[in-house]
Amino acid sequence: MTADLPGALLFACTHNVIRSPMAAAIARHFYGKRAFIASCGVRPGEPDPFVASVMDEIGIDLRKHRPQGFADLEDSSFDVVVSLSPEAHHRALEMTRTMAIEAEYWPTFDPSATVGSREQILDSYRDVRDGLMRRIRARFGALGARGV
């Protein structure tokens, strides 16, 4: 079922702090031996501690993630770029003008906009994490999953 899995996959969002690192880590968890997977943002932001907390809950460590921008990528030879924010999608479409790359847009809520108690905020991050996991498995297949 991983027939649609590209050889090189990039997830992109606005700051490479929440959505794209989550998506890349989940995809790496499922398909890391079968594809090169990276993430970046339009403008790198500062690490968000809620991300590490909700990813730890599913056994994925993101504490060492350091946000990077498109310009920081060591290689731009991706087969597919999945953008998770409007700004990132604009950059992805620019990439398609000069490279043979497929761009997909998966609009994804930015949970840092959530207000409320710590638990309400964490729930918002969990919703994003779980939604990305479902979308990744639906798009790229469930085979190769290592037990999340």
N, C-alpha and C. Protein backbone atom coordinates (compact mmCIF):
# COMPACT_ATOMS: atom_id res chain seq x y z
N MET A 1 0.82 -1.21 0.00
CA MET A 1 0.00 0.00 0.00
C MET A 1 0.85 1.26 0.00
N THR A 2 2.18 1.14 -0.02
CA THR A 2 3.04 2.33 -0.08
C THR A 2 3.44 2.65 -1.51
N ALA A 3 2.66 2.18 -2.48
CA ALA A 3 2.97 2.44 -3.88
C ALA A 3 3.00 3.94 -4.18
N ASP A 4 2.22 4.73 -3.45
CA ASP A 4 2.19 6.17 -3.68
C ASP A 4 3.24 6.91 -2.85
N LEU A 5 4.07 6.18 -2.14
CA LEU A 5 5.08 6.82 -1.30
C LEU A 5 6.20 7.35 -2.19
N PRO A 6 6.44 8.66 -2.16
CA PRO A 6 7.52 9.22 -2.97
C PRO A 6 8.88 8.88 -2.38
N GLY A 7 9.91 9.00 -3.19
CA GLY A 7 11.26 8.74 -2.70
C GLY A 7 11.76 9.83 -1.77
N ALA A 8 11.29 11.07 -1.99
CA ALA A 8 11.69 12.20 -1.16
C ALA A 8 10.47 13.09 -0.93
N LEU A 9 10.17 13.34 0.33
CA LEU A 9 8.95 14.02 0.73
C LEU A 9 9.29 15.18 1.66
N LEU A 10 8.73 16.35 1.37
CA LEU A 10 8.94 17.55 2.18
C LEU A 10 7.60 18.02 2.73
N PHE A 11 7.55 18.27 4.04
CA PHE A 11 6.40 18.90 4.67
C PHE A 11 6.79 20.33 5.00
N ALA A 12 5.91 21.29 4.69
CA ALA A 12 6.23 22.70 4.91
C ALA A 12 5.05 23.42 5.55
N CYS A 13 5.37 24.33 6.47
CA CYS A 13 4.35 25.20 7.06
C CYS A 13 4.97 26.59 7.22
N THR A 14 4.38 27.40 8.04
CA THR A 14 4.82 28.79 8.14
C THR A 14 6.14 28.94 8.90
N HIS A 15 6.26 28.30 10.08
CA HIS A 15 7.44 28.50 10.92
C HIS A 15 8.27 27.25 11.18
N ASN A 16 7.84 26.08 10.67
CA ASN A 16 8.55 24.81 10.91
C ASN A 16 8.71 24.55 12.41
N VAL A 17 7.65 24.85 13.14
CA VAL A 17 7.68 24.67 14.58
C VAL A 17 6.65 23.62 15.04
N ILE A 18 5.47 23.60 14.43
CA ILE A 18 4.40 22.72 14.91
C ILE A 18 3.99 21.72 13.84
N ARG A 19 3.31 22.20 12.82
CA ARG A 19 2.67 21.31 11.85
C ARG A 19 3.65 20.50 11.01
N SER A 20 4.59 21.16 10.34
CA SER A 20 5.49 20.40 9.47
C SER A 20 6.45 19.48 10.23
N PRO A 21 6.98 19.87 11.40
CA PRO A 21 7.81 18.90 12.12
C PRO A 21 7.01 17.70 12.61
N MET A 22 5.76 17.95 13.04
CA MET A 22 4.90 16.83 13.45
C MET A 22 4.70 15.88 12.28
N ALA A 23 4.31 16.43 11.13
CA ALA A 23 4.02 15.60 9.96
C ALA A 23 5.27 14.83 9.52
N ALA A 24 6.41 15.50 9.48
CA ALA A 24 7.64 14.83 9.05
C ALA A 24 8.02 13.72 10.02
N ALA A 25 7.88 13.97 11.31
CA ALA A 25 8.24 12.96 12.30
C ALA A 25 7.31 11.76 12.22
N ILE A 26 6.03 12.00 12.01
CA ILE A 26 5.08 10.89 11.86
C ILE A 26 5.40 10.09 10.60
N ALA A 27 5.62 10.79 9.49
CA ALA A 27 5.95 10.10 8.24
C ALA A 27 7.26 9.32 8.38
N ARG A 28 8.24 9.91 9.03
CA ARG A 28 9.52 9.22 9.26
C ARG A 28 9.32 7.97 10.10
N HIS A 29 8.43 8.07 11.07
CA HIS A 29 8.13 6.94 11.94
C HIS A 29 7.57 5.77 11.11
N PHE A 30 6.68 6.09 10.17
CA PHE A 30 6.06 5.05 9.35
C PHE A 30 6.93 4.60 8.19
N TYR A 31 7.60 5.54 7.52
CA TYR A 31 8.24 5.23 6.23
C TYR A 31 9.71 5.60 6.17
N GLY A 32 10.32 5.87 7.31
CA GLY A 32 11.69 6.38 7.33
C GLY A 32 12.71 5.58 6.57
N LYS A 33 12.54 4.29 6.47
CA LYS A 33 13.51 3.46 5.75
C LYS A 33 13.19 3.40 4.24
N ARG A 34 12.02 3.88 3.87
CA ARG A 34 11.60 3.78 2.46
C ARG A 34 11.63 5.12 1.73
N ALA A 35 11.77 6.21 2.44
CA ALA A 35 11.74 7.53 1.80
C ALA A 35 12.58 8.52 2.60
N PHE A 36 13.09 9.53 1.90
CA PHE A 36 13.75 10.65 2.57
C PHE A 36 12.65 11.64 2.93
N ILE A 37 12.60 12.06 4.20
CA ILE A 37 11.53 12.93 4.67
C ILE A 37 12.13 14.11 5.42
N ALA A 38 11.70 15.31 5.06
CA ALA A 38 12.21 16.53 5.70
C ALA A 38 11.06 17.50 5.94
N SER A 39 11.36 18.57 6.69
CA SER A 39 10.37 19.62 6.92
C SER A 39 11.07 20.98 6.92
N CYS A 40 10.29 22.01 6.63
CA CYS A 40 10.82 23.38 6.66
C CYS A 40 9.65 24.34 6.81
N GLY A 41 9.99 25.61 6.97
CA GLY A 41 8.98 26.65 7.08
C GLY A 41 9.33 27.84 6.21
N VAL A 42 8.38 28.72 6.03
CA VAL A 42 8.62 29.94 5.27
C VAL A 42 9.59 30.84 6.04
N ARG A 43 9.33 30.98 7.34
CA ARG A 43 10.21 31.75 8.24
C ARG A 43 10.38 30.92 9.50
N PRO A 44 11.58 30.38 9.75
CA PRO A 44 11.77 29.53 10.94
C PRO A 44 11.39 30.27 12.22
N GLY A 45 10.68 29.58 13.09
CA GLY A 45 10.27 30.15 14.37
C GLY A 45 11.06 29.56 15.51
N GLU A 46 10.52 29.71 16.70
CA GLU A 46 11.15 29.17 17.92
C GLU A 46 10.46 27.87 18.32
N PRO A 47 11.22 26.89 18.83
CA PRO A 47 10.61 25.62 19.24
C PRO A 47 9.43 25.82 20.20
N ASP A 48 8.45 24.95 20.08
CA ASP A 48 7.23 25.03 20.87
C ASP A 48 7.17 23.81 21.79
N PRO A 49 7.17 24.01 23.11
CA PRO A 49 7.21 22.87 24.03
C PRO A 49 5.98 21.98 23.98
N PHE A 50 4.84 22.50 23.54
CA PHE A 50 3.64 21.67 23.43
C PHE A 50 3.81 20.58 22.38
N VAL A 51 4.57 20.87 21.33
CA VAL A 51 4.81 19.89 20.27
C VAL A 51 5.52 18.67 20.84
N ALA A 52 6.60 18.89 21.58
CA ALA A 52 7.35 17.78 22.17
C ALA A 52 6.47 16.97 23.10
N SER A 53 5.62 17.64 23.87
CA SER A 53 4.73 16.94 24.82
C SER A 53 3.77 16.00 24.11
N VAL A 54 3.08 16.49 23.08
CA VAL A 54 2.08 15.64 22.43
C VAL A 54 2.72 14.57 21.55
N MET A 55 3.91 14.83 21.04
CA MET A 55 4.59 13.79 20.25
C MET A 55 5.17 12.71 21.17
N ASP A 56 5.64 13.10 22.35
CA ASP A 56 6.10 12.12 23.34
C ASP A 56 5.00 11.12 23.68
N GLU A 57 3.76 11.60 23.70
CA GLU A 57 2.63 10.74 24.04
C GLU A 57 2.49 9.55 23.08
N ILE A 58 2.97 9.70 21.86
CA ILE A 58 2.88 8.61 20.88
C ILE A 58 4.26 7.99 20.60
N GLY A 59 5.22 8.33 21.45
CA GLY A 59 6.53 7.69 21.35
C GLY A 59 7.45 8.27 20.30
N ILE A 60 7.22 9.51 19.89
CA ILE A 60 8.09 10.17 18.92
C ILE A 60 8.74 11.37 19.59
N ASP A 61 10.06 11.39 19.58
CA ASP A 61 10.83 12.45 20.26
C ASP A 61 11.12 13.58 19.28
N LEU A 62 10.59 14.76 19.55
CA LEU A 62 10.86 15.94 18.71
C LEU A 62 11.62 17.02 19.48
N ARG A 63 12.17 16.68 20.63
CA ARG A 63 12.85 17.70 21.43
C ARG A 63 14.09 18.27 20.74
N LYS A 64 14.71 17.51 19.86
CA LYS A 64 15.93 17.99 19.19
C LYS A 64 15.65 18.72 17.88
N HIS A 65 14.38 18.81 17.49
CA HIS A 65 14.04 19.49 16.23
C HIS A 65 14.44 20.97 16.31
N ARG A 66 15.11 21.45 15.28
CA ARG A 66 15.45 22.87 15.16
C ARG A 66 14.80 23.41 13.90
N PRO A 67 13.92 24.41 14.03
CA PRO A 67 13.22 24.95 12.87
C PRO A 67 14.18 25.45 11.79
N GLN A 68 13.81 25.18 10.54
CA GLN A 68 14.59 25.65 9.41
C GLN A 68 13.67 26.17 8.32
N GLY A 69 14.22 27.00 7.46
CA GLY A 69 13.46 27.56 6.35
C GLY A 69 13.76 26.83 5.05
N PHE A 70 13.05 27.21 4.01
CA PHE A 70 13.28 26.62 2.69
C PHE A 70 14.74 26.77 2.28
N ALA A 71 15.32 27.93 2.56
CA ALA A 71 16.71 28.20 2.16
C ALA A 71 17.71 27.34 2.93
N ASP A 72 17.31 26.80 4.07
CA ASP A 72 18.21 25.99 4.89
C ASP A 72 18.26 24.53 4.46
N LEU A 73 17.38 24.12 3.56
CA LEU A 73 17.35 22.72 3.13
C LEU A 73 18.65 22.36 2.43
N GLU A 74 19.24 21.24 2.81
CA GLU A 74 20.49 20.79 2.18
C GLU A 74 20.26 20.38 0.74
N ASP A 75 19.07 19.90 0.45
CA ASP A 75 18.74 19.40 -0.87
C ASP A 75 17.30 19.83 -1.17
N SER A 76 17.04 20.20 -2.40
CA SER A 76 15.67 20.58 -2.75
C SER A 76 15.08 19.61 -3.77
N SER A 77 15.68 18.45 -3.91
CA SER A 77 15.22 17.44 -4.87
C SER A 77 14.15 16.56 -4.25
N PHE A 78 12.98 17.10 -4.09
CA PHE A 78 11.86 16.35 -3.52
C PHE A 78 10.90 15.94 -4.63
N ASP A 79 10.24 14.82 -4.42
CA ASP A 79 9.22 14.38 -5.37
C ASP A 79 7.89 15.05 -5.06
N VAL A 80 7.61 15.18 -3.76
CA VAL A 80 6.34 15.77 -3.31
C VAL A 80 6.63 16.74 -2.17
N VAL A 81 5.99 17.91 -2.23
CA VAL A 81 5.99 18.82 -1.09
C VAL A 81 4.54 18.98 -0.64
N VAL A 82 4.33 18.71 0.65
CA VAL A 82 3.00 18.85 1.24
C VAL A 82 3.02 20.11 2.10
N SER A 83 2.25 21.10 1.69
CA SER A 83 2.20 22.34 2.46
C SER A 83 0.98 22.30 3.38
N LEU A 84 1.20 22.84 4.58
CA LEU A 84 0.18 22.76 5.63
C LEU A 84 -0.36 24.14 6.00
N SER A 85 0.16 25.18 5.37
CA SER A 85 -0.34 26.54 5.60
C SER A 85 -0.38 27.26 4.25
N PRO A 86 -1.20 28.31 4.13
CA PRO A 86 -1.29 29.03 2.85
C PRO A 86 0.06 29.60 2.39
N GLU A 87 0.83 30.18 3.32
CA GLU A 87 2.13 30.74 2.95
C GLU A 87 3.07 29.67 2.41
N ALA A 88 3.08 28.53 3.06
CA ALA A 88 3.95 27.44 2.62
C ALA A 88 3.50 26.92 1.26
N HIS A 89 2.18 26.91 1.02
CA HIS A 89 1.70 26.43 -0.27
C HIS A 89 2.14 27.38 -1.39
N HIS A 90 2.13 28.65 -1.13
CA HIS A 90 2.62 29.61 -2.12
C HIS A 90 4.06 29.30 -2.48
N ARG A 91 4.91 29.04 -1.48
CA ARG A 91 6.32 28.69 -1.73
C ARG A 91 6.44 27.37 -2.47
N ALA A 92 5.59 26.41 -2.12
CA ALA A 92 5.62 25.11 -2.81
C ALA A 92 5.29 25.27 -4.29
N LEU A 93 4.29 26.10 -4.57
CA LEU A 93 3.92 26.33 -5.97
C LEU A 93 5.06 27.01 -6.73
N GLU A 94 5.79 27.90 -6.07
CA GLU A 94 6.97 28.51 -6.71
C GLU A 94 7.99 27.45 -7.07
N MET A 95 8.15 26.43 -6.21
CA MET A 95 9.11 25.35 -6.48
C MET A 95 8.71 24.57 -7.74
N THR A 96 7.41 24.43 -7.99
CA THR A 96 6.96 23.64 -9.14
C THR A 96 7.30 24.33 -10.47
N ARG A 97 7.59 25.61 -10.43
CA ARG A 97 7.92 26.33 -11.66
C ARG A 97 9.30 25.96 -12.20
N THR A 98 10.21 25.59 -11.30
CA THR A 98 11.59 25.32 -11.73
C THR A 98 12.03 23.88 -11.47
N MET A 99 11.20 23.10 -10.79
CA MET A 99 11.56 21.72 -10.47
C MET A 99 10.40 20.78 -10.78
N ALA A 100 10.74 19.54 -11.06
CA ALA A 100 9.72 18.51 -11.28
C ALA A 100 9.29 18.00 -9.91
N ILE A 101 8.38 18.73 -9.31
CA ILE A 101 7.92 18.42 -7.96
C ILE A 101 6.41 18.53 -7.92
N GLU A 102 5.78 17.62 -7.19
CA GLU A 102 4.33 17.66 -7.02
C GLU A 102 4.02 18.41 -5.73
N ALA A 103 3.09 19.35 -5.80
CA ALA A 103 2.71 20.12 -4.61
C ALA A 103 1.29 19.75 -4.20
N GLU A 104 1.13 19.44 -2.91
CA GLU A 104 -0.18 19.14 -2.35
C GLU A 104 -0.43 20.12 -1.20
N TYR A 105 -1.67 20.54 -1.06
CA TYR A 105 -2.03 21.45 0.02
C TYR A 105 -2.99 20.76 0.96
N TRP A 106 -2.56 20.63 2.20
CA TRP A 106 -3.39 20.05 3.26
C TRP A 106 -3.62 21.15 4.30
N PRO A 107 -4.64 21.98 4.15
CA PRO A 107 -4.87 23.05 5.13
C PRO A 107 -4.96 22.47 6.54
N THR A 108 -4.12 22.98 7.42
CA THR A 108 -4.04 22.43 8.78
C THR A 108 -4.07 23.58 9.78
N PHE A 109 -4.97 23.49 10.73
CA PHE A 109 -5.13 24.49 11.78
C PHE A 109 -3.82 24.68 12.54
N ASP A 110 -3.50 25.92 12.89
CA ASP A 110 -2.34 26.23 13.72
C ASP A 110 -2.78 26.22 15.18
N PRO A 111 -2.41 25.18 15.94
CA PRO A 111 -2.91 25.07 17.32
C PRO A 111 -2.33 26.12 18.26
N SER A 112 -1.29 26.84 17.84
CA SER A 112 -0.75 27.89 18.72
C SER A 112 -1.74 29.05 18.89
N ALA A 113 -2.77 29.07 18.05
CA ALA A 113 -3.80 30.10 18.17
C ALA A 113 -4.83 29.77 19.25
N THR A 114 -4.75 28.58 19.81
CA THR A 114 -5.71 28.13 20.82
C THR A 114 -5.50 28.86 22.14
N VAL A 115 -6.59 29.31 22.74
CA VAL A 115 -6.53 29.91 24.07
C VAL A 115 -7.33 29.04 25.02
N GLY A 116 -6.95 29.08 26.29
CA GLY A 116 -7.65 28.29 27.29
C GLY A 116 -6.66 27.70 28.27
N SER A 117 -7.10 26.66 28.95
CA SER A 117 -6.24 26.00 29.94
C SER A 117 -5.14 25.22 29.22
N ARG A 118 -4.14 24.81 29.97
CA ARG A 118 -3.06 24.01 29.40
C ARG A 118 -3.63 22.76 28.74
N GLU A 119 -4.60 22.11 29.36
CA GLU A 119 -5.19 20.89 28.80
C GLU A 119 -5.95 21.18 27.51
N GLN A 120 -6.65 22.31 27.45
CA GLN A 120 -7.36 22.68 26.22
C GLN A 120 -6.38 22.93 25.09
N ILE A 121 -5.27 23.58 25.41
CA ILE A 121 -4.24 23.85 24.40
C ILE A 121 -3.62 22.52 23.93
N LEU A 122 -3.28 21.65 24.87
CA LEU A 122 -2.72 20.35 24.51
C LEU A 122 -3.70 19.55 23.64
N ASP A 123 -4.99 19.62 23.96
CA ASP A 123 -5.99 18.92 23.15
C ASP A 123 -5.99 19.43 21.71
N SER A 124 -5.79 20.73 21.53
CA SER A 124 -5.74 21.30 20.20
C SER A 124 -4.53 20.75 19.43
N TYR A 125 -3.39 20.67 20.11
CA TYR A 125 -2.19 20.10 19.48
C TYR A 125 -2.39 18.62 19.17
N ARG A 126 -3.05 17.90 20.06
CA ARG A 126 -3.34 16.48 19.82
C ARG A 126 -4.24 16.31 18.59
N ASP A 127 -5.23 17.19 18.46
CA ASP A 127 -6.12 17.12 17.30
C ASP A 127 -5.33 17.28 16.00
N VAL A 128 -4.39 18.23 15.98
CA VAL A 128 -3.56 18.44 14.79
C VAL A 128 -2.70 17.20 14.55
N ARG A 129 -2.05 16.71 15.58
CA ARG A 129 -1.20 15.51 15.47
C ARG A 129 -1.99 14.34 14.91
N ASP A 130 -3.15 14.08 15.50
CA ASP A 130 -3.95 12.93 15.09
C ASP A 130 -4.50 13.10 13.67
N GLY A 131 -4.87 14.33 13.32
CA GLY A 131 -5.34 14.59 11.96
C GLY A 131 -4.24 14.38 10.94
N LEU A 132 -3.03 14.83 11.26
CA LEU A 132 -1.91 14.62 10.35
C LEU A 132 -1.61 13.13 10.21
N MET A 133 -1.67 12.41 11.31
CA MET A 133 -1.40 10.97 11.25
C MET A 133 -2.41 10.27 10.34
N ARG A 134 -3.69 10.60 10.49
CA ARG A 134 -4.72 9.99 9.64
C ARG A 134 -4.48 10.33 8.17
N ARG A 135 -4.18 11.59 7.92
CA ARG A 135 -4.00 12.04 6.53
C ARG A 135 -2.78 11.38 5.89
N ILE A 136 -1.70 11.28 6.64
CA ILE A 136 -0.47 10.66 6.13
C ILE A 136 -0.71 9.19 5.81
N ARG A 137 -1.36 8.49 6.72
CA ARG A 137 -1.63 7.06 6.49
C ARG A 137 -2.60 6.86 5.34
N ALA A 138 -3.58 7.75 5.20
CA ALA A 138 -4.54 7.63 4.10
C ALA A 138 -3.85 7.91 2.76
N ARG A 139 -2.95 8.87 2.73
CA ARG A 139 -2.30 9.27 1.48
C ARG A 139 -1.17 8.32 1.07
N PHE A 140 -0.38 7.88 2.05
CA PHE A 140 0.83 7.12 1.72
C PHE A 140 0.76 5.65 2.11
N GLY A 141 -0.32 5.22 2.77
CA GLY A 141 -0.50 3.81 3.10
C GLY A 141 -0.12 3.49 4.53
N ALA A 142 -0.69 2.40 5.02
CA ALA A 142 -0.46 2.00 6.41
C ALA A 142 0.64 0.97 6.55
N LEU A 143 1.07 0.35 5.46
CA LEU A 143 2.14 -0.63 5.56
C LEU A 143 3.43 0.05 5.98
N GLY A 144 4.21 -0.66 6.71
CA GLY A 144 5.48 -0.11 7.19
C GLY A 144 5.34 0.61 8.51
N ALA A 145 4.12 0.74 9.01
CA ALA A 145 3.92 1.39 10.31
C ALA A 145 4.61 0.58 11.39
N ARG A 146 5.30 1.30 12.26
CA ARG A 146 6.03 0.64 13.34
C ARG A 146 5.31 0.76 14.66
N GLY A 147 4.01 0.83 14.61
CA GLY A 147 3.24 0.70 15.84
C GLY A 147 2.78 1.93 16.55
N VAL A 148 2.43 2.99 15.86
CA VAL A 148 1.84 4.14 16.55
C VAL A 148 0.36 3.91 16.66
